[in-house]
Amino acid sequence: MRNRTGVEGFSPWDLNNLQDCFDAILDASRLDKSSEEADEVAQALILAYKNGVRDRDELIRIAAPVKWKDG
């Protein structure tokens, strides 16, 4: 989606999808939304989405904190 300046942005559907993934990761990993790790999760989600990843499970796998992935 492009805005009036020609810069690509996120649609409401995109934002809902990203928020759902973000919330799922934070709930599962028990991270606080204001933590530095939560910021890193958000950045990873946005980067993956900008690179074309749309599958919810794949977004969560990519953006999950390393220590959560390690168990």
Protein backbone atom coordinates (compact mmCIF):
# COMPACT_ATOMS: atom_id res chain seq x y z
CA MET A 1 0.00 0.00 0.00
CA ARG A 2 1.31 3.45 -0.90
CA ASN A 3 0.34 6.69 0.77
CA ARG A 4 0.06 10.08 -0.93
CA THR A 5 3.82 10.64 -0.79
CA GLY A 6 4.50 7.34 -2.57
CA VAL A 7 6.01 5.73 0.53
CA GLU A 8 4.91 2.19 1.21
CA GLY A 9 3.02 1.61 4.43
CA PHE A 10 0.96 -1.02 6.17
CA SER A 11 -2.74 -1.62 5.64
CA PRO A 12 -5.06 -2.06 8.63
CA TRP A 13 -5.01 -5.82 7.91
CA ASP A 14 -1.20 -5.80 7.95
CA LEU A 15 -1.14 -3.96 11.27
CA ASN A 16 -3.64 -6.37 12.82
CA ASN A 17 -1.59 -9.33 11.62
CA LEU A 18 1.64 -7.87 13.01
CA GLN A 19 -0.04 -6.98 16.32
CA ASP A 20 -1.41 -10.53 16.63
CA CYS A 21 2.07 -12.00 16.09
CA PHE A 22 3.65 -9.52 18.49
CA ASP A 23 1.09 -10.29 21.21
CA ALA A 24 1.49 -14.06 20.71
CA ILE A 25 5.28 -13.83 21.09
CA LEU A 26 5.09 -11.61 24.15
CA ASP A 27 2.48 -13.85 25.80
CA ALA A 28 4.45 -17.03 25.13
CA SER A 29 7.79 -15.58 26.20
CA ARG A 30 6.38 -13.53 29.07
CA LEU A 31 8.03 -10.34 27.85
CA ASP A 32 6.85 -6.92 28.97
CA LYS A 33 5.70 -4.70 26.10
CA SER A 34 8.00 -1.93 27.28
CA SER A 35 11.13 -4.13 27.39
CA GLU A 36 14.09 -3.87 25.07
CA GLU A 37 13.48 -7.45 23.94
CA ALA A 38 9.92 -6.52 22.95
CA ASP A 39 11.33 -3.68 20.82
CA GLU A 40 13.63 -6.20 19.13
CA VAL A 41 10.67 -8.51 18.47
CA ALA A 42 8.72 -5.64 16.90
CA GLN A 43 11.67 -4.67 14.71
CA ALA A 44 12.16 -8.27 13.57
CA LEU A 45 8.46 -8.62 12.73
CA ILE A 46 8.43 -5.43 10.69
CA LEU A 47 11.60 -6.34 8.83
CA ALA A 48 10.32 -9.83 8.00
CA TYR A 49 6.99 -8.38 6.86
CA LYS A 50 8.72 -5.80 4.67
CA ASN A 51 10.70 -8.68 3.15
CA GLY A 52 7.50 -10.46 2.16
CA VAL A 53 6.86 -12.91 5.00
CA ARG A 54 3.09 -13.11 5.61
CA ASP A 55 2.64 -16.51 7.25
CA ARG A 56 1.80 -16.05 10.95
CA ASP A 57 3.79 -19.06 12.15
CA GLU A 58 6.81 -18.05 10.10
CA LEU A 59 6.67 -14.46 11.37
CA ILE A 60 6.54 -15.73 14.95
CA ARG A 61 9.42 -18.16 14.34
CA ILE A 62 11.58 -15.42 12.84
CA ALA A 63 10.83 -12.78 15.46
CA ALA A 64 10.79 -14.90 18.64
CA PRO A 65 13.54 -14.05 21.14
CA VAL A 66 16.62 -16.29 20.89
CA LYS A 67 16.37 -17.45 24.49
CA TRP A 68 12.73 -18.45 23.87
CA LYS A 69 13.78 -20.48 20.81
CA ASP A 70 16.48 -22.22 22.85
CA GLY A 71 13.92 -23.32 25.42
